[in-house]
Amino acid sequence: MKNIAYIEIDTHAEIAADFLDLMKDSKEFSVDYYFSEKIKNQIPQNSENIFLSDQSVILSQLKSKKYDLIIIGTVHRYFNTFLSITQKFKTAVIVHNLNFPKASKFNLIKNIFREDLFYRLKLLWREGLTNSSKVYQNASQLVLDKSFSSSEYQFLPLFYTKEFIQDENEKLMVVIPGGVSQKRRDYRHVLNTIEKSKSAADVEFVFLGKAKGDELMNIRKVSEKFDLRYFTERISQKEFEMWMKKADVLWCPIQQETEFFSQKEIYGKTKMTGNIGDAIKFGKIAVFPKNYSSKMDFIVQEKEDVIQQFYDLKNFKYDFQKAFNKKAVLKNLENLLADLT
């Protein structure tokens, strides 16, 4: 049995949880997990293989045991630490934004002054921002969207469809998963569409993420006339899963263009969206914007009358269990890990 270390001391707790959930059934690999306190608190499972860590101790922790492969879940900070890991161990990193790892030192330094000045100066002075591209270059690079795979990026299969009983809702339930922010998703379009539709009055819309600022104010205004459910605090993973299981269809109004560290990123081309994983895990048809192209049959482009489209999709059948069976996904993951070790 080969030994793997999975590190997440930064951001993507949900991806770490997916990896843990899938690999607990592996007979080929033993995995130790090194999580920051923030990440560990978001992981719904307890395991004797989960260790509390941070950038100051992770190197010594890794040296204390022999690992065949180190997987880093996020490289968006702590670049000096991660560079040392890639220099000392066989390493793979999950790439969430394809343009960021290729940014030149000049652009990285230039972008420091565009926003979040003090935080970005900290990344430069204390965390080795200009070493970011070296971290990726020294490691195998993994992507979570199969359409992004290439000779440079290897597909990391993590998402399988959970088995559960779908309850019948009194009203058609449309769930919009993700952080309620205009920066990543077009909530103005969502609210304008609801307000202009007569049939939207018979639909329950669930904004499944913490709403604040202008988005919260606008949602509250529209909720006076329509059935909108929203949250003003961060929801737990348990509550997130409950609403995802109840959904009849997902609405994913992602912005075509966004930024990461002031680097332009394009959803579906250089940046992955977690909504694809959401759709797979809960076996839901998902409506994406017209400009988002996908070869996956459960991702459909938004039509002019999207409210009617939701009704039409309620009974759309797609065999998620056949396409994303847990046993098959785990086998594909084990094959990838075998190639990497």
C-alpha atoms as a PDB file:
ATOM      1  CA  MET A   1       0.000   0.000   0.000  1.00  0.00           C
ATOM      2  CA  LYS A   2       1.364   3.409  -0.989  1.00  0.00           C
ATOM      3  CA  ASN A   3       1.267   6.442   1.292  1.00  0.00           C
ATOM      4  CA  ILE A   4      -0.021   9.853   0.246  1.00  0.00           C
ATOM      5  CA  ALA A   5      -0.205  13.176   2.063  1.00  0.00           C
ATOM      6  CA  TYR A   6      -2.977  15.631   1.155  1.00  0.00           C
ATOM      7  CA  ILE A   7      -2.400  19.253   2.231  1.00  0.00           C
ATOM      8  CA  GLU A   8      -5.065  21.944   2.487  1.00  0.00           C
ATOM      9  CA  ILE A   9      -4.071  24.901   4.637  1.00  0.00           C
ATOM     10  CA  ASP A  10      -5.633  27.622   2.521  1.00  0.00           C
ATOM     11  CA  THR A  11      -9.041  27.590   0.852  1.00  0.00           C
ATOM     12  CA  HIS A  12     -10.784  24.623  -0.742  1.00  0.00           C
ATOM     13  CA  ALA A  13     -12.207  22.622   2.152  1.00  0.00           C
ATOM     14  CA  GLU A  14     -14.942  21.133  -0.030  1.00  0.00           C
ATOM     15  CA  ILE A  15     -12.401  19.580  -2.426  1.00  0.00           C
ATOM     16  CA  ALA A  16     -10.415  18.167   0.487  1.00  0.00           C
ATOM     17  CA  ALA A  17     -13.633  16.684   1.884  1.00  0.00           C
ATOM     18  CA  ASP A  18     -14.435  15.094  -1.491  1.00  0.00           C
ATOM     19  CA  PHE A  19     -10.966  13.538  -1.704  1.00  0.00           C
ATOM     20  CA  LEU A  20     -11.228  12.204   1.850  1.00  0.00           C
ATOM     21  CA  ASP A  21     -14.714  10.827   1.262  1.00  0.00           C
ATOM     22  CA  LEU A  22     -13.674   8.957  -1.880  1.00  0.00           C
ATOM     23  CA  MET A  23     -10.299   7.662  -0.704  1.00  0.00           C
ATOM     24  CA  LYS A  24     -11.559   6.203   2.577  1.00  0.00           C
ATOM     25  CA  ASP A  25     -12.696   3.189   0.508  1.00  0.00           C
ATOM     26  CA  SER A  26      -9.331   2.721  -1.212  1.00  0.00           C
ATOM     27  CA  LYS A  27      -7.455  -0.523  -0.643  1.00  0.00           C
ATOM     28  CA  GLU A  28      -4.479   0.675  -2.695  1.00  0.00           C
ATOM     29  CA  PHE A  29      -3.524   3.891  -0.891  1.00  0.00           C
ATOM     30  CA  SER A  30      -3.287   5.204   2.651  1.00  0.00           C
ATOM     31  CA  VAL A  31      -3.784   8.968   2.962  1.00  0.00           C
ATOM     32  CA  ASP A  32      -2.786  11.386   5.730  1.00  0.00           C
ATOM     33  CA  TYR A  33      -4.491  14.780   5.705  1.00  0.00           C
ATOM     34  CA  TYR A  34      -2.824  17.981   6.860  1.00  0.00           C
ATOM     35  CA  PHE A  35      -5.414  20.709   7.392  1.00  0.00           C
ATOM     36  CA  SER A  36      -5.289  24.191   8.858  1.00  0.00           C
ATOM     37  CA  GLU A  37      -7.694  24.778  11.730  1.00  0.00           C
ATOM     38  CA  LYS A  38     -10.009  26.755   9.425  1.00  0.00           C
ATOM     39  CA  ILE A  39     -10.171  23.875   6.952  1.00  0.00           C
ATOM     40  CA  LYS A  40     -10.454  21.153   9.605  1.00  0.00           C
ATOM     41  CA  ASN A  41     -13.478  22.905  11.105  1.00  0.00           C
ATOM     42  CA  GLN A  42     -15.246  22.666   7.728  1.00  0.00           C
ATOM     43  CA  ILE A  43     -14.594  18.954   7.206  1.00  0.00           C
ATOM     44  CA  PRO A  44     -17.695  16.963   8.208  1.00  0.00           C
ATOM     45  CA  GLN A  45     -15.752  13.749   8.869  1.00  0.00           C
ATOM     46  CA  ASN A  46     -13.382  12.886  11.682  1.00  0.00           C
ATOM     47  CA  SER A  47     -10.446  10.595  10.999  1.00  0.00           C
ATOM     48  CA  GLU A  48      -7.325   9.502  12.838  1.00  0.00           C
ATOM     49  CA  ASN A  49      -5.449  10.409   9.639  1.00  0.00           C
ATOM     50  CA  ILE A  50      -6.327  14.129   9.901  1.00  0.00           C
ATOM     51  CA  PHE A  51      -3.591  16.294  11.396  1.00  0.00           C
ATOM     52  CA  LEU A  52      -3.685  19.970  12.316  1.00  0.00           C
ATOM     53  CA  SER A  53      -1.092  21.935  10.372  1.00  0.00           C
ATOM     54  CA  ASP A  54      -0.014  25.314   9.012  1.00  0.00           C
ATOM     55  CA  GLN A  55       2.787  26.765   6.902  1.00  0.00           C
ATOM     56  CA  SER A  56       5.210  26.874   9.846  1.00  0.00           C
ATOM     57  CA  VAL A  57       5.104  23.133  10.655  1.00  0.00           C
ATOM     58  CA  ILE A  58       4.023  21.324   7.488  1.00  0.00           C
ATOM     59  CA  LEU A  59       7.576  20.639   6.269  1.00  0.00           C
ATOM     60  CA  SER A  60       8.651  19.012   9.520  1.00  0.00           C
ATOM     61  CA  GLN A  61       5.434  16.975   9.595  1.00  0.00           C
ATOM     62  CA  LEU A  62       6.062  15.639   6.089  1.00  0.00           C
ATOM     63  CA  LYS A  63       9.672  14.761   6.903  1.00  0.00           C
ATOM     64  CA  SER A  64       8.583  12.660   9.869  1.00  0.00           C
ATOM     65  CA  LYS A  65       6.918  10.085   7.595  1.00  0.00           C
ATOM     66  CA  LYS A  66       7.722   8.556   4.210  1.00  0.00           C
ATOM     67  CA  TYR A  67       5.250   9.512   1.490  1.00  0.00           C
ATOM     68  CA  ASP A  68       5.119   8.338  -2.114  1.00  0.00           C
ATOM     69  CA  LEU A  69       3.256  11.495  -3.171  1.00  0.00           C
ATOM     70  CA  ILE A  70       2.251  14.868  -1.725  1.00  0.00           C
ATOM     71  CA  ILE A  71      -0.921  16.499  -3.046  1.00  0.00           C
ATOM     72  CA  ILE A  72      -1.400  20.227  -2.412  1.00  0.00           C
ATOM     73  CA  GLY A  73      -5.056  21.232  -2.668  1.00  0.00           C
ATOM     74  CA  THR A  74      -4.523  24.988  -3.105  1.00  0.00           C
ATOM     75  CA  VAL A  75      -1.497  27.112  -3.975  1.00  0.00           C
ATOM     76  CA  HIS A  76      -2.800  30.643  -3.620  1.00  0.00           C
ATOM     77  CA  ARG A  77      -0.402  31.692  -0.840  1.00  0.00           C
ATOM     78  CA  TYR A  78       2.480  30.256   1.295  1.00  0.00           C
ATOM     79  CA  PHE A  79       4.502  29.994  -1.922  1.00  0.00           C
ATOM     80  CA  ASN A  80       7.888  29.692  -0.195  1.00  0.00           C
ATOM     81  CA  THR A  81       6.615  26.797   1.907  1.00  0.00           C
ATOM     82  CA  PHE A  82       5.061  24.984  -1.039  1.00  0.00           C
ATOM     83  CA  LEU A  83       8.157  25.559  -3.178  1.00  0.00           C
ATOM     84  CA  SER A  84      10.245  23.819  -0.519  1.00  0.00           C
ATOM     85  CA  ILE A  85       7.807  20.900  -0.536  1.00  0.00           C
ATOM     86  CA  THR A  86       8.012  20.516  -4.320  1.00  0.00           C
ATOM     87  CA  GLN A  87      11.813  20.595  -4.121  1.00  0.00           C
ATOM     88  CA  LYS A  88      11.980  17.880  -1.454  1.00  0.00           C
ATOM     89  CA  PHE A  89       9.076  15.554  -2.354  1.00  0.00           C
ATOM     90  CA  LYS A  90       7.264  14.157  -5.364  1.00  0.00           C
ATOM     91  CA  THR A  91       4.343  16.568  -5.517  1.00  0.00           C
ATOM     92  CA  ALA A  92       1.108  17.243  -7.397  1.00  0.00           C
ATOM     93  CA  VAL A  93      -0.930  20.440  -7.118  1.00  0.00           C
ATOM     94  CA  ILE A  94      -4.570  21.106  -7.954  1.00  0.00           C
ATOM     95  CA  VAL A  95      -4.839  24.053 -10.352  1.00  0.00           C
ATOM     96  CA  HIS A  96      -8.008  26.134  -9.935  1.00  0.00           C
ATOM     97  CA  ASN A  97      -7.050  29.044 -12.234  1.00  0.00           C
ATOM     98  CA  LEU A  98      -4.984  28.327 -15.334  1.00  0.00           C
ATOM     99  CA  ASN A  99      -3.731  31.876 -15.962  1.00  0.00           C
ATOM    100  CA  PHE A 100      -2.478  32.607 -12.437  1.00  0.00           C
ATOM    101  CA  PRO A 101       0.385  30.033 -12.431  1.00  0.00           C
ATOM    102  CA  LYS A 102       1.665  31.500 -15.710  1.00  0.00           C
ATOM    103  CA  ALA A 103       1.689  35.119 -14.539  1.00  0.00           C
ATOM    104  CA  SER A 104       5.099  36.767 -14.859  1.00  0.00           C
ATOM    105  CA  LYS A 105       6.884  38.262 -11.859  1.00  0.00           C
ATOM    106  CA  PHE A 106       6.323  41.717 -13.381  1.00  0.00           C
ATOM    107  CA  ASN A 107       2.551  41.200 -13.601  1.00  0.00           C
ATOM    108  CA  LEU A 108       2.346  39.745 -10.099  1.00  0.00           C
ATOM    109  CA  ILE A 109       4.166  42.736  -8.622  1.00  0.00           C
ATOM    110  CA  LYS A 110       2.148  45.178 -10.746  1.00  0.00           C
ATOM    111  CA  ASN A 111      -1.113  43.592  -9.599  1.00  0.00           C
ATOM    112  CA  ILE A 112      -0.220  44.094  -5.935  1.00  0.00           C
ATOM    113  CA  PHE A 113      -1.262  47.730  -6.218  1.00  0.00           C
ATOM    114  CA  ARG A 114      -4.655  47.089  -7.820  1.00  0.00           C
ATOM    115  CA  GLU A 115      -6.518  45.962  -4.695  1.00  0.00           C
ATOM    116  CA  ASP A 116      -6.036  44.298  -1.282  1.00  0.00           C
ATOM    117  CA  LEU A 117      -2.732  46.172  -1.047  1.00  0.00           C
ATOM    118  CA  PHE A 118      -1.634  45.133   2.461  1.00  0.00           C
ATOM    119  CA  TYR A 119      -2.602  41.490   1.980  1.00  0.00           C
ATOM    120  CA  ARG A 120      -0.788  41.293  -1.349  1.00  0.00           C
ATOM    121  CA  LEU A 121       2.303  43.008   0.044  1.00  0.00           C
ATOM    122  CA  LYS A 122       2.321  40.324   2.736  1.00  0.00           C
ATOM    123  CA  LEU A 123       2.245  37.657   0.021  1.00  0.00           C
ATOM    124  CA  LEU A 124       5.198  39.348  -1.659  1.00  0.00           C
ATOM    125  CA  TRP A 125       7.398  40.048   1.355  1.00  0.00           C
ATOM    126  CA  ARG A 126       6.637  37.123   3.647  1.00  0.00           C
ATOM    127  CA  GLU A 127       5.159  34.326   1.533  1.00  0.00           C
ATOM    128  CA  GLY A 128       7.178  34.390  -1.690  1.00  0.00           C
ATOM    129  CA  LEU A 129       4.573  35.525  -4.209  1.00  0.00           C
ATOM    130  CA  THR A 130       7.082  35.686  -7.063  1.00  0.00           C
ATOM    131  CA  ASN A 131       7.822  31.970  -6.548  1.00  0.00           C
ATOM    132  CA  SER A 132       4.238  31.016  -7.391  1.00  0.00           C
ATOM    133  CA  SER A 133       4.953  29.809 -10.938  1.00  0.00           C
ATOM    134  CA  LYS A 134       7.923  27.721  -9.731  1.00  0.00           C
ATOM    135  CA  VAL A 135       5.646  25.764  -7.374  1.00  0.00           C
ATOM    136  CA  TYR A 136       3.439  24.685 -10.269  1.00  0.00           C
ATOM    137  CA  GLN A 137       6.380  24.009 -12.603  1.00  0.00           C
ATOM    138  CA  ASN A 138       8.011  21.685 -10.053  1.00  0.00           C
ATOM    139  CA  ALA A 139       4.888  19.561  -9.613  1.00  0.00           C
ATOM    140  CA  SER A 140       2.377  17.531 -11.584  1.00  0.00           C
ATOM    141  CA  GLN A 141      -0.600  19.762 -12.287  1.00  0.00           C
ATOM    142  CA  LEU A 142      -4.120  18.440 -11.708  1.00  0.00           C
ATOM    143  CA  VAL A 143      -7.486  19.830 -12.838  1.00  0.00           C
ATOM    144  CA  LEU A 144     -10.992  19.011 -11.631  1.00  0.00           C
ATOM    145  CA  ASP A 145     -12.752  19.562 -14.965  1.00  0.00           C
ATOM    146  CA  LYS A 146     -12.063  16.832 -17.522  1.00  0.00           C
ATOM    147  CA  SER A 147     -12.422  19.290 -20.399  1.00  0.00           C
ATOM    148  CA  PHE A 148      -9.282  21.063 -19.096  1.00  0.00           C
ATOM    149  CA  SER A 149      -7.103  17.953 -19.248  1.00  0.00           C
ATOM    150  CA  SER A 150      -4.130  17.968 -21.620  1.00  0.00           C
ATOM    151  CA  SER A 151      -0.484  16.963 -21.755  1.00  0.00           C
ATOM    152  CA  GLU A 152       0.115  19.706 -19.175  1.00  0.00           C
ATOM    153  CA  TYR A 153      -2.883  19.107 -16.906  1.00  0.00           C
ATOM    154  CA  GLN A 154      -4.038  15.700 -15.677  1.00  0.00           C
ATOM    155  CA  PHE A 155      -7.687  15.166 -14.774  1.00  0.00           C
ATOM    156  CA  LEU A 156      -8.288  14.432 -11.080  1.00  0.00           C
ATOM    157  CA  PRO A 157     -11.557  12.449 -10.826  1.00  0.00           C
ATOM    158  CA  LEU A 158     -13.213  13.234  -7.502  1.00  0.00           C
ATOM    159  CA  PHE A 159     -16.924  13.686  -8.042  1.00  0.00           C
ATOM    160  CA  TYR A 160     -19.345  10.790  -7.844  1.00  0.00           C
ATOM    161  CA  THR A 161     -23.130  10.871  -7.568  1.00  0.00           C
ATOM    162  CA  LYS A 162     -24.485  10.222  -4.105  1.00  0.00           C
ATOM    163  CA  GLU A 163     -27.442   7.886  -3.628  1.00  0.00           C
ATOM    164  CA  PHE A 164     -30.471   9.337  -1.866  1.00  0.00           C
ATOM    165  CA  ILE A 165     -34.246   9.496  -2.196  1.00  0.00           C
ATOM    166  CA  GLN A 166     -35.506  12.645  -3.946  1.00  0.00           C
ATOM    167  CA  ASP A 167     -38.517  14.050  -2.108  1.00  0.00           C
ATOM    168  CA  GLU A 168     -41.316  15.682  -4.084  1.00  0.00           C
ATOM    169  CA  ASN A 169     -41.485  19.433  -3.495  1.00  0.00           C
ATOM    170  CA  GLU A 170     -44.769  21.308  -3.188  1.00  0.00           C
ATOM    171  CA  LYS A 171     -43.450  23.899  -5.611  1.00  0.00           C
ATOM    172  CA  LEU A 172     -40.767  23.675  -8.265  1.00  0.00           C
ATOM    173  CA  MET A 173     -37.498  24.326  -6.397  1.00  0.00           C
ATOM    174  CA  VAL A 174     -34.654  26.055  -8.218  1.00  0.00           C
ATOM    175  CA  VAL A 175     -31.417  26.174  -6.235  1.00  0.00           C
ATOM    176  CA  ILE A 176     -28.652  28.678  -7.036  1.00  0.00           C
ATOM    177  CA  PRO A 177     -25.523  27.289  -5.318  1.00  0.00           C
ATOM    178  CA  GLY A 178     -22.459  29.374  -4.477  1.00  0.00           C
ATOM    179  CA  GLY A 179     -21.416  32.560  -2.757  1.00  0.00           C
ATOM    180  CA  VAL A 180     -23.982  35.296  -3.356  1.00  0.00           C
ATOM    181  CA  SER A 181     -21.656  37.811  -4.971  1.00  0.00           C
ATOM    182  CA  GLN A 182     -21.994  39.673  -8.259  1.00  0.00           C
ATOM    183  CA  LYS A 183     -18.241  39.188  -8.758  1.00  0.00           C
ATOM    184  CA  ARG A 184     -18.538  35.472  -9.612  1.00  0.00           C
ATOM    185  CA  ARG A 185     -22.224  35.098 -10.578  1.00  0.00           C
ATOM    186  CA  ASP A 186     -24.706  37.380 -12.293  1.00  0.00           C
ATOM    187  CA  TYR A 187     -27.301  37.865  -9.573  1.00  0.00           C
ATOM    188  CA  ARG A 188     -28.651  41.002 -11.245  1.00  0.00           C
ATOM    189  CA  HIS A 189     -29.674  38.826 -14.188  1.00  0.00           C
ATOM    190  CA  VAL A 190     -31.275  36.274 -11.856  1.00  0.00           C
ATOM    191  CA  LEU A 191     -33.343  38.843  -9.981  1.00  0.00           C
ATOM    192  CA  ASN A 192     -34.336  40.736 -13.134  1.00  0.00           C
ATOM    193  CA  THR A 193     -35.467  37.480 -14.748  1.00  0.00           C
ATOM    194  CA  ILE A 194     -37.562  36.536 -11.723  1.00  0.00           C
ATOM    195  CA  GLU A 195     -39.187  39.977 -11.535  1.00  0.00           C
ATOM    196  CA  LYS A 196     -40.134  39.971 -15.234  1.00  0.00           C
ATOM    197  CA  SER A 197     -41.618  36.463 -15.225  1.00  0.00           C
ATOM    198  CA  LYS A 198     -45.248  35.750 -14.426  1.00  0.00           C
ATOM    199  CA  SER A 199     -44.637  32.025 -13.878  1.00  0.00           C
ATOM    200  CA  ALA A 200     -41.828  32.715 -11.389  1.00  0.00           C
ATOM    201  CA  ALA A 201     -44.464  33.309  -8.721  1.00  0.00           C
ATOM    202  CA  ASP A 202     -45.026  29.539  -8.579  1.00  0.00           C
ATOM    203  CA  VAL A 203     -41.336  28.694  -8.114  1.00  0.00           C
ATOM    204  CA  GLU A 204     -39.267  28.583  -4.915  1.00  0.00           C
ATOM    205  CA  PHE A 205     -35.784  30.016  -5.488  1.00  0.00           C
ATOM    206  CA  VAL A 206     -33.057  29.137  -3.000  1.00  0.00           C
ATOM    207  CA  PHE A 207     -29.935  31.324  -2.938  1.00  0.00           C
ATOM    208  CA  LEU A 208     -27.615  28.754  -1.392  1.00  0.00           C
ATOM    209  CA  GLY A 209     -24.803  30.870  -0.034  1.00  0.00           C
ATOM    210  CA  LYS A 210     -24.230  33.777   2.329  1.00  0.00           C
ATOM    211  CA  ALA A 211     -25.800  36.980   0.986  1.00  0.00           C
ATOM    212  CA  LYS A 212     -24.599  40.423   2.006  1.00  0.00           C
ATOM    213  CA  GLY A 213     -24.291  44.005   0.771  1.00  0.00           C
ATOM    214  CA  ASP A 214     -26.117  45.061  -2.389  1.00  0.00           C
ATOM    215  CA  GLU A 215     -26.998  41.469  -3.319  1.00  0.00           C
ATOM    216  CA  LEU A 216     -28.730  40.915   0.034  1.00  0.00           C
ATOM    217  CA  MET A 217     -30.606  44.223  -0.267  1.00  0.00           C
ATOM    218  CA  ASN A 218     -31.785  43.382  -3.807  1.00  0.00           C
ATOM    219  CA  ILE A 219     -32.825  39.838  -2.864  1.00  0.00           C
ATOM    220  CA  ARG A 220     -34.858  41.145   0.072  1.00  0.00           C
ATOM    221  CA  LYS A 221     -36.619  43.588  -2.218  1.00  0.00           C
ATOM    222  CA  VAL A 222     -37.580  40.913  -4.760  1.00  0.00           C
ATOM    223  CA  SER A 223     -38.565  38.471  -1.987  1.00  0.00           C
ATOM    224  CA  GLU A 224     -41.456  40.781  -1.093  1.00  0.00           C
ATOM    225  CA  LYS A 225     -43.280  39.537  -4.206  1.00  0.00           C
ATOM    226  CA  PHE A 226     -41.662  36.169  -4.927  1.00  0.00           C
ATOM    227  CA  ASP A 227     -40.729  33.028  -2.995  1.00  0.00           C
ATOM    228  CA  LEU A 228     -37.019  33.565  -2.368  1.00  0.00           C
ATOM    229  CA  ARG A 229     -35.096  31.783   0.351  1.00  0.00           C
ATOM    230  CA  TYR A 230     -31.734  33.297   1.297  1.00  0.00           C
ATOM    231  CA  PHE A 231     -29.153  33.184   4.090  1.00  0.00           C
ATOM    232  CA  THR A 232     -27.325  35.989   5.871  1.00  0.00           C
ATOM    233  CA  GLU A 233     -24.806  33.682   7.569  1.00  0.00           C
ATOM    234  CA  ARG A 234     -22.474  31.035   6.207  1.00  0.00           C
ATOM    235  CA  ILE A 235     -24.394  27.777   5.911  1.00  0.00           C
ATOM    236  CA  SER A 236     -23.004  24.481   7.161  1.00  0.00           C
ATOM    237  CA  GLN A 237     -22.060  21.629   4.850  1.00  0.00           C
ATOM    238  CA  LYS A 238     -24.958  19.607   6.262  1.00  0.00           C
ATOM    239  CA  GLU A 239     -27.464  22.334   5.431  1.00  0.00           C
ATOM    240  CA  PHE A 240     -25.918  22.829   1.983  1.00  0.00           C
ATOM    241  CA  GLU A 241     -26.360  19.131   1.208  1.00  0.00           C
ATOM    242  CA  MET A 242     -29.949  19.156   2.471  1.00  0.00           C
ATOM    243  CA  TRP A 243     -30.970  21.909   0.033  1.00  0.00           C
ATOM    244  CA  MET A 244     -29.009  20.421  -2.848  1.00  0.00           C
ATOM    245  CA  LYS A 245     -30.811  17.126  -2.407  1.00  0.00           C
ATOM    246  CA  LYS A 246     -34.183  18.914  -2.416  1.00  0.00           C
ATOM    247  CA  ALA A 247     -33.464  20.866  -5.614  1.00  0.00           C
ATOM    248  CA  ASP A 248     -35.410  20.053  -8.780  1.00  0.00           C
ATOM    249  CA  VAL A 249     -32.887  21.885 -10.937  1.00  0.00           C
ATOM    250  CA  LEU A 250     -29.790  24.052 -10.440  1.00  0.00           C
ATOM    251  CA  TRP A 251     -29.396  27.573 -11.811  1.00  0.00           C
ATOM    252  CA  CYS A 252     -25.735  28.536 -12.228  1.00  0.00           C
ATOM    253  CA  PRO A 253     -25.497  32.113 -13.595  1.00  0.00           C
ATOM    254  CA  ILE A 254     -21.708  32.243 -13.507  1.00  0.00           C
ATOM    255  CA  GLN A 255     -19.957  35.270 -14.949  1.00  0.00           C
ATOM    256  CA  GLN A 256     -18.074  34.527 -18.140  1.00  0.00           C
ATOM    257  CA  GLU A 257     -15.092  36.585 -17.056  1.00  0.00           C
ATOM    258  CA  THR A 258     -13.699  36.968 -13.565  1.00  0.00           C
ATOM    259  CA  GLU A 259     -10.318  37.678 -11.982  1.00  0.00           C
ATOM    260  CA  PHE A 260      -7.944  35.961  -9.626  1.00  0.00           C
ATOM    261  CA  PHE A 261      -5.192  38.150  -8.214  1.00  0.00           C
ATOM    262  CA  SER A 262      -6.177  40.687 -10.889  1.00  0.00           C
ATOM    263  CA  GLN A 263      -5.403  38.095 -13.575  1.00  0.00           C
ATOM    264  CA  LYS A 264      -8.205  37.665 -16.086  1.00  0.00           C
ATOM    265  CA  GLU A 265      -9.823  34.219 -15.902  1.00  0.00           C
ATOM    266  CA  ILE A 266     -12.637  32.815 -18.053  1.00  0.00           C
ATOM    267  CA  TYR A 267     -15.038  30.243 -16.641  1.00  0.00           C
ATOM    268  CA  GLY A 268     -15.046  27.096 -18.724  1.00  0.00           C
ATOM    269  CA  LYS A 269     -11.750  27.996 -20.416  1.00  0.00           C
ATOM    270  CA  THR A 270      -9.166  28.974 -17.775  1.00  0.00           C
ATOM    271  CA  LYS A 271     -11.146  28.661 -14.551  1.00  0.00           C
ATOM    272  CA  MET A 272     -13.218  25.808 -13.194  1.00  0.00           C
ATOM    273  CA  THR A 273     -16.554  26.252 -11.494  1.00  0.00           C
ATOM    274  CA  GLY A 274     -17.523  24.170  -8.476  1.00  0.00           C
ATOM    275  CA  ASN A 275     -21.081  24.069  -9.804  1.00  0.00           C
ATOM    276  CA  ILE A 276     -20.148  21.181 -12.117  1.00  0.00           C
ATOM    277  CA  GLY A 277     -19.064  19.158  -9.096  1.00  0.00           C
ATOM    278  CA  ASP A 278     -22.284  20.167  -7.316  1.00  0.00           C
ATOM    279  CA  ALA A 279     -24.390  18.898 -10.220  1.00  0.00           C
ATOM    280  CA  ILE A 280     -22.532  15.577 -10.338  1.00  0.00           C
ATOM    281  CA  LYS A 281     -22.520  14.950  -6.581  1.00  0.00           C
ATOM    282  CA  PHE A 282     -26.251  15.524  -6.198  1.00  0.00           C
ATOM    283  CA  GLY A 283     -27.380  14.267  -9.599  1.00  0.00           C
ATOM    284  CA  LYS A 284     -28.967  17.519 -10.736  1.00  0.00           C
ATOM    285  CA  ILE A 285     -29.465  19.060 -14.154  1.00  0.00           C
ATOM    286  CA  ALA A 286     -27.812  22.492 -14.172  1.00  0.00           C
ATOM    287  CA  VAL A 287     -28.654  25.533 -16.285  1.00  0.00           C
ATOM    288  CA  PHE A 288     -25.600  27.589 -17.274  1.00  0.00           C
ATOM    289  CA  PRO A 289     -25.384  30.853 -19.270  1.00  0.00           C
ATOM    290  CA  LYS A 290     -25.643  30.768 -23.067  1.00  0.00           C
ATOM    291  CA  ASN A 291     -21.951  31.592 -23.421  1.00  0.00           C
ATOM    292  CA  TYR A 292     -20.841  28.562 -21.394  1.00  0.00           C
ATOM    293  CA  SER A 293     -20.136  25.618 -23.673  1.00  0.00           C
ATOM    294  CA  SER A 294     -20.006  22.114 -22.247  1.00  0.00           C
ATOM    295  CA  LYS A 295     -20.005  18.611 -23.710  1.00  0.00           C
ATOM    296  CA  MET A 296     -21.717  17.228 -20.595  1.00  0.00           C
ATOM    297  CA  ASP A 297     -25.395  16.399 -21.172  1.00  0.00           C
ATOM    298  CA  PHE A 298     -26.450  17.472 -17.674  1.00  0.00           C
ATOM    299  CA  ILE A 299     -25.141  21.014 -18.272  1.00  0.00           C
ATOM    300  CA  VAL A 300     -27.653  22.895 -20.433  1.00  0.00           C
ATOM    301  CA  GLN A 301     -27.525  26.417 -21.812  1.00  0.00           C
ATOM    302  CA  GLU A 302     -30.047  28.934 -20.547  1.00  0.00           C
ATOM    303  CA  LYS A 303     -32.959  29.679 -22.883  1.00  0.00           C
ATOM    304  CA  GLU A 304     -34.831  32.944 -23.322  1.00  0.00           C
ATOM    305  CA  ASP A 305     -37.723  31.754 -21.126  1.00  0.00           C
ATOM    306  CA  VAL A 306     -35.575  30.148 -18.456  1.00  0.00           C
ATOM    307  CA  ILE A 307     -38.443  29.801 -15.969  1.00  0.00           C
ATOM    308  CA  GLN A 308     -40.353  27.589 -18.396  1.00  0.00           C
ATOM    309  CA  GLN A 309     -37.078  25.773 -19.050  1.00  0.00           C
ATOM    310  CA  PHE A 310     -36.885  24.885 -15.348  1.00  0.00           C
ATOM    311  CA  TYR A 311     -40.325  23.270 -15.554  1.00  0.00           C
ATOM    312  CA  ASP A 312     -39.303  21.340 -18.666  1.00  0.00           C
ATOM    313  CA  LEU A 313     -36.090  20.118 -17.039  1.00  0.00           C
ATOM    314  CA  LYS A 314     -37.764  18.881 -13.880  1.00  0.00           C
ATOM    315  CA  ASN A 315     -38.529  15.571 -15.559  1.00  0.00           C
ATOM    316  CA  PHE A 316     -35.358  15.418 -17.679  1.00  0.00           C
ATOM    317  CA  LYS A 317     -33.685  12.061 -17.142  1.00  0.00           C
ATOM    318  CA  TYR A 318     -29.925  11.578 -16.986  1.00  0.00           C
ATOM    319  CA  ASP A 319     -28.282   8.452 -15.595  1.00  0.00           C
ATOM    320  CA  PHE A 320     -25.805  10.021 -13.169  1.00  0.00           C
ATOM    321  CA  GLN A 321     -25.177   6.701 -11.435  1.00  0.00           C
ATOM    322  CA  LYS A 322     -24.045   5.131 -14.691  1.00  0.00           C
ATOM    323  CA  ALA A 323     -21.791   8.063 -15.574  1.00  0.00           C
ATOM    324  CA  PHE A 324     -20.444   8.841 -12.094  1.00  0.00           C
ATOM    325  CA  ASN A 325     -20.634   5.632 -10.105  1.00  0.00           C
ATOM    326  CA  LYS A 326     -18.553   5.844  -6.918  1.00  0.00           C
ATOM    327  CA  LYS A 327     -16.733   2.565  -7.537  1.00  0.00           C
ATOM    328  CA  ALA A 328     -15.726   3.595 -11.062  1.00  0.00           C
ATOM    329  CA  VAL A 329     -14.647   7.108 -10.009  1.00  0.00           C
ATOM    330  CA  LEU A 330     -12.505   5.666  -7.201  1.00  0.00           C
ATOM    331  CA  LYS A 331     -10.856   3.223  -9.620  1.00  0.00           C
ATOM    332  CA  ASN A 332     -10.038   6.080 -12.016  1.00  0.00           C
ATOM    333  CA  LEU A 333      -8.601   8.102  -9.139  1.00  0.00           C
ATOM    334  CA  GLU A 334      -6.465   5.168  -7.992  1.00  0.00           C
ATOM    335  CA  ASN A 335      -5.154   4.721 -11.539  1.00  0.00           C
ATOM    336  CA  LEU A 336      -4.135   8.374 -11.664  1.00  0.00           C
ATOM    337  CA  LEU A 337      -2.424   8.189  -8.272  1.00  0.00           C
ATOM    338  CA  ALA A 338      -0.580   5.048  -9.339  1.00  0.00           C
ATOM    339  CA  ASP A 339       0.756   6.924 -12.377  1.00  0.00           C
ATOM    340  CA  LEU A 340       1.821   9.869 -10.213  1.00  0.00           C
ATOM    341  CA  THR A 341       3.654   7.878  -7.515  1.00  0.00           C
END
